[in-house]
Amino acid sequence: MKIATTTGDFDRYLSTYQEKIDCVIEAGFKYIDLSLYTIYKDDELLLSSDWQENAKRILENTMKKGATFVQAHSPGGNPITGDENAEILLEATIRAIDICGAMGIPNIVVHGGSLKGMNKEQFFEKNKVFFEKLFPAMERNNVNVLCENSTQKNMRDMYFTNSGKDMKEFVEYVNHPLFHACWDTGHANCEGNQYEDILSVGEDLYAVHINDNSGRGDEHVLPYFGTVNMDEVMHALIDVNYKGVFTFECGSTLRPALYWQGNRKEFAKDTRLSNPPLFMQKQIEKLMYDMGEYILKSYGCFSE
């Protein structure tokens, strides 16, 4: 099994895709998850009219350094609100799939949406309509779109596909040969499920987001920084005959001062230590790679 991580690990530190990619490679990673989750001002891929040339340049530079893109994450948001923001998000998601096609990225994780008071049937119906709008882009680029499990800790009273059983059911409901699933171990830990749920997703498991937490919130920290049982995860991946990449999504191991799950306590007199610096994140990145190698080698499934 190959090891990858997301360029999103460096979103808070660097401004260009290439800078983030270079830091991931520097830490030892040869396989990369391109994060398109946040659309930045003057984004050279998601907003630029020259995105195709930019994508080609980024791909060529990355390949020269011996690295390969294995998956991506589409822009975040709620695509089923029916408002202008949902239309903008749809356009950005289609662009993200086109970027994957141009850069040879086979899989992209795309979040569905939910509304307060929505039941399972309504969730399935409205999200199928959204994903169907992506079919032409998926087909012309031959890119797999992957839905992802979530957790009530994030969605609260809004229904989402939080279990492996529901994930499998939703994939079959959407019913497209390029539509599959990504399993997030941190979301699953908040729900208290892992092994049986991964097996329930079965052959539709095309990607994973490996991260940890305390079970009380979606913290996205490194394994062993929380309560996820990695033996359980590894047995599930092996038993389900997972053929994808072991991809980390641990970008909040070093917590910023302003964080969606709670801000750091303020001290008005001085802020010089309020945010972790870039050199710390680079060290975390190297530790992340070493952890991935240790985990996979312990189960005899590490691949260069």
C-alpha atoms as a PDB file:
ATOM      1  CA  MET A   1       0.000   0.000   0.000  1.00  0.00           C
ATOM      2  CA  LYS A   2       1.357   3.432  -0.928  1.00  0.00           C
ATOM      3  CA  ILE A   3       1.397   6.401   1.468  1.00  0.00           C
ATOM      4  CA  ALA A   4       0.015   9.830   0.575  1.00  0.00           C
ATOM      5  CA  THR A   5      -1.011  13.028   2.272  1.00  0.00           C
ATOM      6  CA  THR A   6      -2.896  16.161   1.306  1.00  0.00           C
ATOM      7  CA  THR A   7      -1.423  19.461   0.209  1.00  0.00           C
ATOM      8  CA  GLY A   8      -3.985  20.934   2.605  1.00  0.00           C
ATOM      9  CA  ASP A   9      -1.459  20.242   5.387  1.00  0.00           C
ATOM     10  CA  PHE A  10       0.216  23.494   4.336  1.00  0.00           C
ATOM     11  CA  ASP A  11      -2.825  25.620   3.497  1.00  0.00           C
ATOM     12  CA  ARG A  12      -2.279  27.836   6.542  1.00  0.00           C
ATOM     13  CA  TYR A  13       1.386  28.398   5.771  1.00  0.00           C
ATOM     14  CA  LEU A  14       1.870  28.742   2.003  1.00  0.00           C
ATOM     15  CA  SER A  15      -0.003  30.415  -0.828  1.00  0.00           C
ATOM     16  CA  THR A  16       0.742  28.416  -3.986  1.00  0.00           C
ATOM     17  CA  TYR A  17       0.006  24.826  -4.922  1.00  0.00           C
ATOM     18  CA  GLN A  18       3.613  24.202  -5.916  1.00  0.00           C
ATOM     19  CA  GLU A  19       4.995  25.410  -2.583  1.00  0.00           C
ATOM     20  CA  LYS A  20       2.663  23.069  -0.718  1.00  0.00           C
ATOM     21  CA  ILE A  21       3.476  20.158  -3.019  1.00  0.00           C
ATOM     22  CA  ASP A  22       7.196  20.742  -2.562  1.00  0.00           C
ATOM     23  CA  CYS A  23       6.842  20.608   1.233  1.00  0.00           C
ATOM     24  CA  VAL A  24       4.930  17.323   1.022  1.00  0.00           C
ATOM     25  CA  ILE A  25       7.645  15.840  -1.206  1.00  0.00           C
ATOM     26  CA  GLU A  26      10.375  17.169   1.093  1.00  0.00           C
ATOM     27  CA  ALA A  27       8.831  15.180   3.952  1.00  0.00           C
ATOM     28  CA  GLY A  28       9.236  11.940   2.003  1.00  0.00           C
ATOM     29  CA  PHE A  29       5.875  11.539   0.267  1.00  0.00           C
ATOM     30  CA  LYS A  30       5.863  10.322  -3.336  1.00  0.00           C
ATOM     31  CA  TYR A  31       2.071  10.253  -3.591  1.00  0.00           C
ATOM     32  CA  ILE A  32      -0.072  13.342  -3.191  1.00  0.00           C
ATOM     33  CA  ASP A  33      -3.689  14.285  -2.498  1.00  0.00           C
ATOM     34  CA  LEU A  34      -4.321  17.646  -4.168  1.00  0.00           C
ATOM     35  CA  SER A  35      -6.547  19.740  -1.911  1.00  0.00           C
ATOM     36  CA  LEU A  36      -8.951  21.997  -3.801  1.00  0.00           C
ATOM     37  CA  TYR A  37     -11.143  22.286  -0.714  1.00  0.00           C
ATOM     38  CA  THR A  38     -10.634  26.020  -0.159  1.00  0.00           C
ATOM     39  CA  ILE A  39     -10.918  28.457  -3.058  1.00  0.00           C
ATOM     40  CA  TYR A  40      -8.360  31.200  -2.535  1.00  0.00           C
ATOM     41  CA  LYS A  41      -8.249  34.665  -4.095  1.00  0.00           C
ATOM     42  CA  ASP A  42      -6.554  34.470  -7.493  1.00  0.00           C
ATOM     43  CA  ASP A  43      -6.591  30.659  -7.298  1.00  0.00           C
ATOM     44  CA  GLU A  44      -4.461  29.498 -10.234  1.00  0.00           C
ATOM     45  CA  LEU A  45      -6.502  26.345 -10.771  1.00  0.00           C
ATOM     46  CA  LEU A  46     -10.060  26.981  -9.619  1.00  0.00           C
ATOM     47  CA  LEU A  47     -10.424  30.626 -10.694  1.00  0.00           C
ATOM     48  CA  SER A  48      -7.874  31.225 -13.441  1.00  0.00           C
ATOM     49  CA  SER A  49      -8.749  31.311 -17.133  1.00  0.00           C
ATOM     50  CA  ASP A  50      -5.287  29.803 -17.652  1.00  0.00           C
ATOM     51  CA  TRP A  51      -5.969  26.871 -15.329  1.00  0.00           C
ATOM     52  CA  GLN A  52      -5.095  24.263 -17.959  1.00  0.00           C
ATOM     53  CA  GLU A  53      -1.627  25.713 -18.518  1.00  0.00           C
ATOM     54  CA  ASN A  54      -1.159  26.050 -14.762  1.00  0.00           C
ATOM     55  CA  ALA A  55      -2.255  22.462 -14.180  1.00  0.00           C
ATOM     56  CA  LYS A  56       0.187  21.220 -16.830  1.00  0.00           C
ATOM     57  CA  ARG A  57       3.046  23.191 -15.248  1.00  0.00           C
ATOM     58  CA  ILE A  58       2.280  21.939 -11.738  1.00  0.00           C
ATOM     59  CA  LEU A  59       1.996  18.353 -12.966  1.00  0.00           C
ATOM     60  CA  GLU A  60       5.279  18.502 -14.880  1.00  0.00           C
ATOM     61  CA  ASN A  61       7.153  20.063 -11.951  1.00  0.00           C
ATOM     62  CA  THR A  62       5.759  17.473  -9.552  1.00  0.00           C
ATOM     63  CA  MET A  63       6.618  14.540 -11.806  1.00  0.00           C
ATOM     64  CA  LYS A  64      10.185  15.842 -12.249  1.00  0.00           C
ATOM     65  CA  LYS A  65      10.555  15.547  -8.480  1.00  0.00           C
ATOM     66  CA  GLY A  66       9.432  11.913  -8.550  1.00  0.00           C
ATOM     67  CA  ALA A  67       5.927  12.410  -7.141  1.00  0.00           C
ATOM     68  CA  THR A  68       2.467  11.439  -8.409  1.00  0.00           C
ATOM     69  CA  PHE A  69      -1.035  12.734  -7.710  1.00  0.00           C
ATOM     70  CA  VAL A  70      -3.318   9.910  -6.569  1.00  0.00           C
ATOM     71  CA  GLN A  71      -6.457  11.722  -5.434  1.00  0.00           C
ATOM     72  CA  ALA A  72      -7.949  15.149  -4.803  1.00  0.00           C
ATOM     73  CA  HIS A  73     -10.568  16.878  -2.675  1.00  0.00           C
ATOM     74  CA  SER A  74     -13.182  19.131  -4.241  1.00  0.00           C
ATOM     75  CA  PRO A  75     -14.202  22.571  -2.893  1.00  0.00           C
ATOM     76  CA  GLY A  76     -16.152  22.504   0.364  1.00  0.00           C
ATOM     77  CA  GLY A  77     -19.699  23.768   0.836  1.00  0.00           C
ATOM     78  CA  ASN A  78     -23.323  22.725   0.749  1.00  0.00           C
ATOM     79  CA  PRO A  79     -24.391  21.890  -2.820  1.00  0.00           C
ATOM     80  CA  ILE A  80     -28.120  21.345  -2.208  1.00  0.00           C
ATOM     81  CA  THR A  81     -29.248  24.682  -0.727  1.00  0.00           C
ATOM     82  CA  GLY A  82     -30.700  25.799  -4.045  1.00  0.00           C
ATOM     83  CA  ASP A  83     -29.184  29.278  -3.763  1.00  0.00           C
ATOM     84  CA  GLU A  84     -26.467  31.155  -5.634  1.00  0.00           C
ATOM     85  CA  ASN A  85     -23.742  29.670  -3.445  1.00  0.00           C
ATOM     86  CA  ALA A  86     -24.809  26.170  -4.455  1.00  0.00           C
ATOM     87  CA  GLU A  87     -24.548  27.109  -8.129  1.00  0.00           C
ATOM     88  CA  ILE A  88     -21.076  28.546  -7.611  1.00  0.00           C
ATOM     89  CA  LEU A  89     -20.057  25.387  -5.750  1.00  0.00           C
ATOM     90  CA  LEU A  90     -21.390  23.190  -8.560  1.00  0.00           C
ATOM     91  CA  GLU A  91     -19.314  25.098 -11.121  1.00  0.00           C
ATOM     92  CA  ALA A  92     -16.232  24.864  -8.889  1.00  0.00           C
ATOM     93  CA  THR A  93     -16.756  21.121  -8.406  1.00  0.00           C
ATOM     94  CA  ILE A  94     -16.995  20.560 -12.147  1.00  0.00           C
ATOM     95  CA  ARG A  95     -13.816  22.598 -12.590  1.00  0.00           C
ATOM     96  CA  ALA A  96     -12.127  20.456  -9.918  1.00  0.00           C
ATOM     97  CA  ILE A  97     -13.035  17.280 -11.828  1.00  0.00           C
ATOM     98  CA  ASP A  98     -11.677  18.819 -15.027  1.00  0.00           C
ATOM     99  CA  ILE A  99      -8.452  19.660 -13.164  1.00  0.00           C
ATOM    100  CA  CYS A 100      -8.192  16.010 -12.128  1.00  0.00           C
ATOM    101  CA  GLY A 101      -8.642  14.965 -15.734  1.00  0.00           C
ATOM    102  CA  ALA A 102      -5.927  17.351 -16.896  1.00  0.00           C
ATOM    103  CA  MET A 103      -3.500  16.202 -14.185  1.00  0.00           C
ATOM    104  CA  GLY A 104      -4.225  12.479 -14.418  1.00  0.00           C
ATOM    105  CA  ILE A 105      -5.746  12.273 -10.943  1.00  0.00           C
ATOM    106  CA  PRO A 106      -8.036   9.209 -10.849  1.00  0.00           C
ATOM    107  CA  ASN A 107     -10.157   9.981  -7.760  1.00  0.00           C
ATOM    108  CA  ILE A 108     -11.708  13.065  -6.201  1.00  0.00           C
ATOM    109  CA  VAL A 109     -13.643  13.231  -2.921  1.00  0.00           C
ATOM    110  CA  VAL A 110     -16.789  15.345  -3.186  1.00  0.00           C
ATOM    111  CA  HIS A 111     -18.968  16.164  -0.193  1.00  0.00           C
ATOM    112  CA  GLY A 112     -22.714  16.000  -0.511  1.00  0.00           C
ATOM    113  CA  GLY A 113     -25.009  18.366   1.340  1.00  0.00           C
ATOM    114  CA  SER A 114     -27.781  18.359   3.904  1.00  0.00           C
ATOM    115  CA  LEU A 115     -30.502  20.568   5.328  1.00  0.00           C
ATOM    116  CA  LYS A 116     -32.087  20.778   8.757  1.00  0.00           C
ATOM    117  CA  GLY A 117     -34.948  18.348   9.211  1.00  0.00           C
ATOM    118  CA  MET A 118     -33.940  16.278   6.200  1.00  0.00           C
ATOM    119  CA  ASN A 119     -34.511  12.543   6.519  1.00  0.00           C
ATOM    120  CA  LYS A 120     -32.581   9.754   4.841  1.00  0.00           C
ATOM    121  CA  GLU A 121     -34.882   9.498   1.836  1.00  0.00           C
ATOM    122  CA  GLN A 122     -34.715  13.245   1.177  1.00  0.00           C
ATOM    123  CA  PHE A 123     -30.942  13.229   1.594  1.00  0.00           C
ATOM    124  CA  PHE A 124     -30.596  10.445  -0.953  1.00  0.00           C
ATOM    125  CA  GLU A 125     -32.918  12.127  -3.452  1.00  0.00           C
ATOM    126  CA  LYS A 126     -31.447  15.649  -3.316  1.00  0.00           C
ATOM    127  CA  ASN A 127     -27.840  14.518  -3.292  1.00  0.00           C
ATOM    128  CA  LYS A 128     -28.378  12.152  -6.199  1.00  0.00           C
ATOM    129  CA  VAL A 129     -29.629  15.124  -8.212  1.00  0.00           C
ATOM    130  CA  PHE A 130     -26.429  16.999  -7.340  1.00  0.00           C
ATOM    131  CA  PHE A 131     -24.082  14.134  -8.175  1.00  0.00           C
ATOM    132  CA  GLU A 132     -25.912  13.467 -11.449  1.00  0.00           C
ATOM    133  CA  LYS A 133     -24.905  16.975 -12.543  1.00  0.00           C
ATOM    134  CA  LEU A 134     -21.289  15.834 -12.226  1.00  0.00           C
ATOM    135  CA  PHE A 135     -21.695  12.773 -14.465  1.00  0.00           C
ATOM    136  CA  PRO A 136     -20.695  14.509 -17.748  1.00  0.00           C
ATOM    137  CA  ALA A 137     -17.465  15.841 -16.192  1.00  0.00           C
ATOM    138  CA  MET A 138     -16.717  12.470 -14.607  1.00  0.00           C
ATOM    139  CA  GLU A 139     -17.223  10.684 -17.910  1.00  0.00           C
ATOM    140  CA  ARG A 140     -15.258  13.044 -20.155  1.00  0.00           C
ATOM    141  CA  ASN A 141     -12.320  12.949 -17.698  1.00  0.00           C
ATOM    142  CA  ASN A 142     -12.668   9.303 -16.589  1.00  0.00           C
ATOM    143  CA  VAL A 143     -12.434  10.458 -12.959  1.00  0.00           C
ATOM    144  CA  ASN A 144     -14.041   8.645 -10.026  1.00  0.00           C
ATOM    145  CA  VAL A 145     -16.100  10.837  -7.696  1.00  0.00           C
ATOM    146  CA  LEU A 146     -16.099   9.557  -4.123  1.00  0.00           C
ATOM    147  CA  CYS A 147     -18.651  10.382  -1.454  1.00  0.00           C
ATOM    148  CA  GLU A 148     -17.421  10.429   2.152  1.00  0.00           C
ATOM    149  CA  ASN A 149     -18.764   9.286   5.510  1.00  0.00           C
ATOM    150  CA  SER A 150     -19.374  12.027   8.055  1.00  0.00           C
ATOM    151  CA  THR A 151     -20.399  12.235  11.714  1.00  0.00           C
ATOM    152  CA  GLN A 152     -23.153  13.761  13.803  1.00  0.00           C
ATOM    153  CA  LYS A 153     -20.417  15.659  15.645  1.00  0.00           C
ATOM    154  CA  ASN A 154     -20.149  17.731  12.457  1.00  0.00           C
ATOM    155  CA  MET A 155     -23.652  17.549  11.023  1.00  0.00           C
ATOM    156  CA  ARG A 156     -25.601  17.633  14.307  1.00  0.00           C
ATOM    157  CA  ASP A 157     -29.308  17.382  13.466  1.00  0.00           C
ATOM    158  CA  MET A 158     -28.746  17.071   9.715  1.00  0.00           C
ATOM    159  CA  TYR A 159     -28.755  13.569   8.264  1.00  0.00           C
ATOM    160  CA  PHE A 160     -25.651  12.338   6.477  1.00  0.00           C
ATOM    161  CA  THR A 161     -24.137   9.025   5.412  1.00  0.00           C
ATOM    162  CA  ASN A 162     -22.359   8.263   8.679  1.00  0.00           C
ATOM    163  CA  SER A 163     -22.239   4.459   8.512  1.00  0.00           C
ATOM    164  CA  GLY A 164     -20.683   2.037   6.078  1.00  0.00           C
ATOM    165  CA  LYS A 165     -24.069   0.490   5.399  1.00  0.00           C
ATOM    166  CA  ASP A 166     -25.580   3.845   4.434  1.00  0.00           C
ATOM    167  CA  MET A 167     -22.527   4.686   2.333  1.00  0.00           C
ATOM    168  CA  LYS A 168     -22.907   1.486   0.350  1.00  0.00           C
ATOM    169  CA  GLU A 169     -26.635   2.036  -0.039  1.00  0.00           C
ATOM    170  CA  PHE A 170     -26.105   5.580  -1.298  1.00  0.00           C
ATOM    171  CA  VAL A 171     -23.438   4.540  -3.802  1.00  0.00           C
ATOM    172  CA  GLU A 172     -25.792   1.911  -5.199  1.00  0.00           C
ATOM    173  CA  TYR A 173     -28.632   4.457  -5.245  1.00  0.00           C
ATOM    174  CA  VAL A 174     -26.618   6.953  -7.311  1.00  0.00           C
ATOM    175  CA  ASN A 175     -25.687   4.014  -9.548  1.00  0.00           C
ATOM    176  CA  HIS A 176     -22.841   5.194 -11.738  1.00  0.00           C
ATOM    177  CA  PRO A 177     -19.684   3.180 -12.568  1.00  0.00           C
ATOM    178  CA  LEU A 178     -17.477   6.161 -11.639  1.00  0.00           C
ATOM    179  CA  PHE A 179     -19.176   6.861  -8.296  1.00  0.00           C
ATOM    180  CA  HIS A 180     -17.685   5.216  -5.207  1.00  0.00           C
ATOM    181  CA  ALA A 181     -16.670   5.939  -1.593  1.00  0.00           C
ATOM    182  CA  CYS A 182     -13.953   7.345   0.658  1.00  0.00           C
ATOM    183  CA  TRP A 183     -13.744   6.309   4.328  1.00  0.00           C
ATOM    184  CA  ASP A 184     -12.652   8.879   6.914  1.00  0.00           C
ATOM    185  CA  THR A 185     -11.322   7.141  10.032  1.00  0.00           C
ATOM    186  CA  GLY A 186     -11.700  10.247  12.202  1.00  0.00           C
ATOM    187  CA  HIS A 187     -15.364  10.721  11.308  1.00  0.00           C
ATOM    188  CA  ALA A 188     -15.896   7.029  11.964  1.00  0.00           C
ATOM    189  CA  ASN A 189     -14.200   7.288  15.368  1.00  0.00           C
ATOM    190  CA  CYS A 190     -16.694   9.974  16.392  1.00  0.00           C
ATOM    191  CA  GLU A 191     -19.482   7.576  15.450  1.00  0.00           C
ATOM    192  CA  GLY A 192     -17.847   4.652  17.228  1.00  0.00           C
ATOM    193  CA  ASN A 193     -17.676   2.496  14.134  1.00  0.00           C
ATOM    194  CA  GLN A 194     -14.804   1.274  11.967  1.00  0.00           C
ATOM    195  CA  TYR A 195     -14.204  -2.416  11.112  1.00  0.00           C
ATOM    196  CA  GLU A 196     -17.696  -3.646  10.221  1.00  0.00           C
ATOM    197  CA  ASP A 197     -18.512  -0.360   8.476  1.00  0.00           C
ATOM    198  CA  ILE A 198     -15.441  -0.493   6.255  1.00  0.00           C
ATOM    199  CA  LEU A 199     -16.389  -4.032   5.312  1.00  0.00           C
ATOM    200  CA  SER A 200     -19.912  -2.828   4.529  1.00  0.00           C
ATOM    201  CA  VAL A 201     -18.551  -0.338   1.976  1.00  0.00           C
ATOM    202  CA  GLY A 202     -16.836  -3.295   0.325  1.00  0.00           C
ATOM    203  CA  GLU A 203     -15.461  -3.042  -3.192  1.00  0.00           C
ATOM    204  CA  ASP A 204     -16.681   0.559  -3.477  1.00  0.00           C
ATOM    205  CA  LEU A 205     -13.946   1.714  -1.085  1.00  0.00           C
ATOM    206  CA  TYR A 206     -11.645   3.635  -3.427  1.00  0.00           C
ATOM    207  CA  ALA A 207      -9.883   5.960  -0.958  1.00  0.00           C
ATOM    208  CA  VAL A 208      -9.338   6.665   2.728  1.00  0.00           C
ATOM    209  CA  HIS A 209      -8.700   9.707   4.889  1.00  0.00           C
ATOM    210  CA  ILE A 210      -6.526   8.490   7.750  1.00  0.00           C
ATOM    211  CA  ASN A 211      -6.752  10.720  10.823  1.00  0.00           C
ATOM    212  CA  ASP A 212      -7.394  10.514  14.550  1.00  0.00           C
ATOM    213  CA  ASN A 213      -9.315  12.298  17.307  1.00  0.00           C
ATOM    214  CA  SER A 214     -10.517  11.863  20.860  1.00  0.00           C
ATOM    215  CA  GLY A 215     -13.962  10.713  19.732  1.00  0.00           C
ATOM    216  CA  ARG A 216     -15.477  13.977  20.962  1.00  0.00           C
ATOM    217  CA  GLY A 217     -14.871  15.988  17.800  1.00  0.00           C
ATOM    218  CA  ASP A 218     -13.503  15.904  14.262  1.00  0.00           C
ATOM    219  CA  GLU A 219      -9.961  16.994  15.105  1.00  0.00           C
ATOM    220  CA  HIS A 220      -7.933  15.628  12.140  1.00  0.00           C
ATOM    221  CA  VAL A 221      -4.757  14.817  14.061  1.00  0.00           C
ATOM    222  CA  LEU A 222      -2.083  12.168  13.563  1.00  0.00           C
ATOM    223  CA  PRO A 223      -2.619   8.528  14.561  1.00  0.00           C
ATOM    224  CA  TYR A 224      -1.753   7.941  18.234  1.00  0.00           C
ATOM    225  CA  PHE A 225      -2.784  11.516  19.057  1.00  0.00           C
ATOM    226  CA  GLY A 226      -6.307  10.217  19.675  1.00  0.00           C
ATOM    227  CA  THR A 227      -8.333   7.047  20.258  1.00  0.00           C
ATOM    228  CA  VAL A 228      -8.581   5.473  16.776  1.00  0.00           C
ATOM    229  CA  ASN A 229      -7.471   1.830  16.897  1.00  0.00           C
ATOM    230  CA  MET A 230      -5.130   1.455  13.927  1.00  0.00           C
ATOM    231  CA  ASP A 231      -5.092  -2.347  14.234  1.00  0.00           C
ATOM    232  CA  GLU A 232      -8.833  -2.303  13.623  1.00  0.00           C
ATOM    233  CA  VAL A 233      -8.417  -0.011  10.621  1.00  0.00           C
ATOM    234  CA  MET A 234      -5.640  -2.103   9.111  1.00  0.00           C
ATOM    235  CA  HIS A 235      -7.515  -5.392   9.560  1.00  0.00           C
ATOM    236  CA  ALA A 236     -10.546  -3.835   7.888  1.00  0.00           C
ATOM    237  CA  LEU A 237      -8.537  -2.542   4.919  1.00  0.00           C
ATOM    238  CA  ILE A 238      -6.851  -5.901   4.455  1.00  0.00           C
ATOM    239  CA  ASP A 239     -10.057  -7.915   4.904  1.00  0.00           C
ATOM    240  CA  VAL A 240     -11.962  -5.730   2.445  1.00  0.00           C
ATOM    241  CA  ASN A 241      -9.089  -6.173  -0.048  1.00  0.00           C
ATOM    242  CA  TYR A 242      -8.530  -2.427  -0.268  1.00  0.00           C
ATOM    243  CA  LYS A 243      -6.458  -1.574  -3.336  1.00  0.00           C
ATOM    244  CA  GLY A 244      -6.188   2.184  -2.833  1.00  0.00           C
ATOM    245  CA  VAL A 245      -3.670   4.486  -1.174  1.00  0.00           C
ATOM    246  CA  PHE A 246      -3.135   5.020   2.561  1.00  0.00           C
ATOM    247  CA  THR A 247      -3.856   8.752   2.521  1.00  0.00           C
ATOM    248  CA  PHE A 248      -3.486  10.961   5.567  1.00  0.00           C
ATOM    249  CA  GLU A 249      -5.745  13.928   6.310  1.00  0.00           C
ATOM    250  CA  CYS A 250      -4.200  15.240   9.545  1.00  0.00           C
ATOM    251  CA  GLY A 251      -3.832  18.941   8.811  1.00  0.00           C
ATOM    252  CA  SER A 252      -4.939  20.103  12.266  1.00  0.00           C
ATOM    253  CA  THR A 253      -2.379  18.180  14.322  1.00  0.00           C
ATOM    254  CA  LEU A 254      -0.850  21.591  14.974  1.00  0.00           C
ATOM    255  CA  ARG A 255      -3.882  23.636  15.927  1.00  0.00           C
ATOM    256  CA  PRO A 256      -4.071  27.250  14.709  1.00  0.00           C
ATOM    257  CA  ALA A 257      -5.151  30.109  16.957  1.00  0.00           C
ATOM    258  CA  LEU A 258      -8.493  30.393  15.159  1.00  0.00           C
ATOM    259  CA  TYR A 259     -10.058  26.968  14.705  1.00  0.00           C
ATOM    260  CA  TRP A 260     -13.595  25.907  13.914  1.00  0.00           C
ATOM    261  CA  GLN A 261     -13.766  23.629  16.938  1.00  0.00           C
ATOM    262  CA  GLY A 262     -12.590  26.328  19.320  1.00  0.00           C
ATOM    263  CA  ASN A 263     -10.072  29.148  19.322  1.00  0.00           C
ATOM    264  CA  ARG A 264      -6.912  29.337  21.369  1.00  0.00           C
ATOM    265  CA  LYS A 265      -7.249  31.469  24.485  1.00  0.00           C
ATOM    266  CA  GLU A 266      -6.204  35.033  23.811  1.00  0.00           C
ATOM    267  CA  PHE A 267      -3.535  37.086  25.553  1.00  0.00           C
ATOM    268  CA  ALA A 268      -3.865  40.690  24.387  1.00  0.00           C
ATOM    269  CA  LYS A 269      -0.366  41.698  25.450  1.00  0.00           C
ATOM    270  CA  ASP A 270       1.440  39.392  22.999  1.00  0.00           C
ATOM    271  CA  THR A 271       0.568  36.998  20.144  1.00  0.00           C
ATOM    272  CA  ARG A 272       3.997  35.846  18.938  1.00  0.00           C
ATOM    273  CA  LEU A 273       3.317  32.227  19.974  1.00  0.00           C
ATOM    274  CA  SER A 274      -0.359  32.063  19.041  1.00  0.00           C
ATOM    275  CA  ASN A 275       0.186  30.092  15.817  1.00  0.00           C
ATOM    276  CA  PRO A 276       2.621  27.223  15.129  1.00  0.00           C
ATOM    277  CA  PRO A 277       5.229  28.181  12.487  1.00  0.00           C
ATOM    278  CA  LEU A 278       6.051  26.479   9.200  1.00  0.00           C
ATOM    279  CA  PHE A 279       9.118  24.633  10.497  1.00  0.00           C
ATOM    280  CA  MET A 280       6.937  22.807  13.050  1.00  0.00           C
ATOM    281  CA  GLN A 281       4.515  21.699  10.338  1.00  0.00           C
ATOM    282  CA  LYS A 282       7.424  20.400   8.267  1.00  0.00           C
ATOM    283  CA  GLN A 283       8.542  18.299  11.227  1.00  0.00           C
ATOM    284  CA  ILE A 284       4.999  16.990  11.728  1.00  0.00           C
ATOM    285  CA  GLU A 285       4.911  16.107   8.019  1.00  0.00           C
ATOM    286  CA  LYS A 286       8.059  13.989   8.332  1.00  0.00           C
ATOM    287  CA  LEU A 287       6.665  12.272  11.424  1.00  0.00           C
ATOM    288  CA  MET A 288       3.452  11.565   9.516  1.00  0.00           C
ATOM    289  CA  TYR A 289       5.343   9.786   6.752  1.00  0.00           C
ATOM    290  CA  ASP A 290       7.347   7.744   9.274  1.00  0.00           C
ATOM    291  CA  MET A 291       4.118   6.778  11.046  1.00  0.00           C
ATOM    292  CA  GLY A 292       2.531   5.645   7.798  1.00  0.00           C
ATOM    293  CA  GLU A 293       5.558   3.558   6.911  1.00  0.00           C
ATOM    294  CA  TYR A 294       5.610   1.987  10.384  1.00  0.00           C
ATOM    295  CA  ILE A 295       1.891   1.156  10.297  1.00  0.00           C
ATOM    296  CA  LEU A 296       2.000  -0.424   6.844  1.00  0.00           C
ATOM    297  CA  LYS A 297       5.261  -2.295   7.384  1.00  0.00           C
ATOM    298  CA  SER A 298       3.843  -3.732  10.615  1.00  0.00           C
ATOM    299  CA  TYR A 299       1.192  -5.422   8.470  1.00  0.00           C
ATOM    300  CA  GLY A 300       3.519  -6.312   5.610  1.00  0.00           C
ATOM    301  CA  CYS A 301       1.724  -4.147   3.074  1.00  0.00           C
ATOM    302  CA  PHE A 302       3.991  -1.136   2.558  1.00  0.00           C
ATOM    303  CA  SER A 303       4.715  -0.198  -1.047  1.00  0.00           C
ATOM    304  CA  GLU A 304       7.259   2.343  -2.268  1.00  0.00           C
END
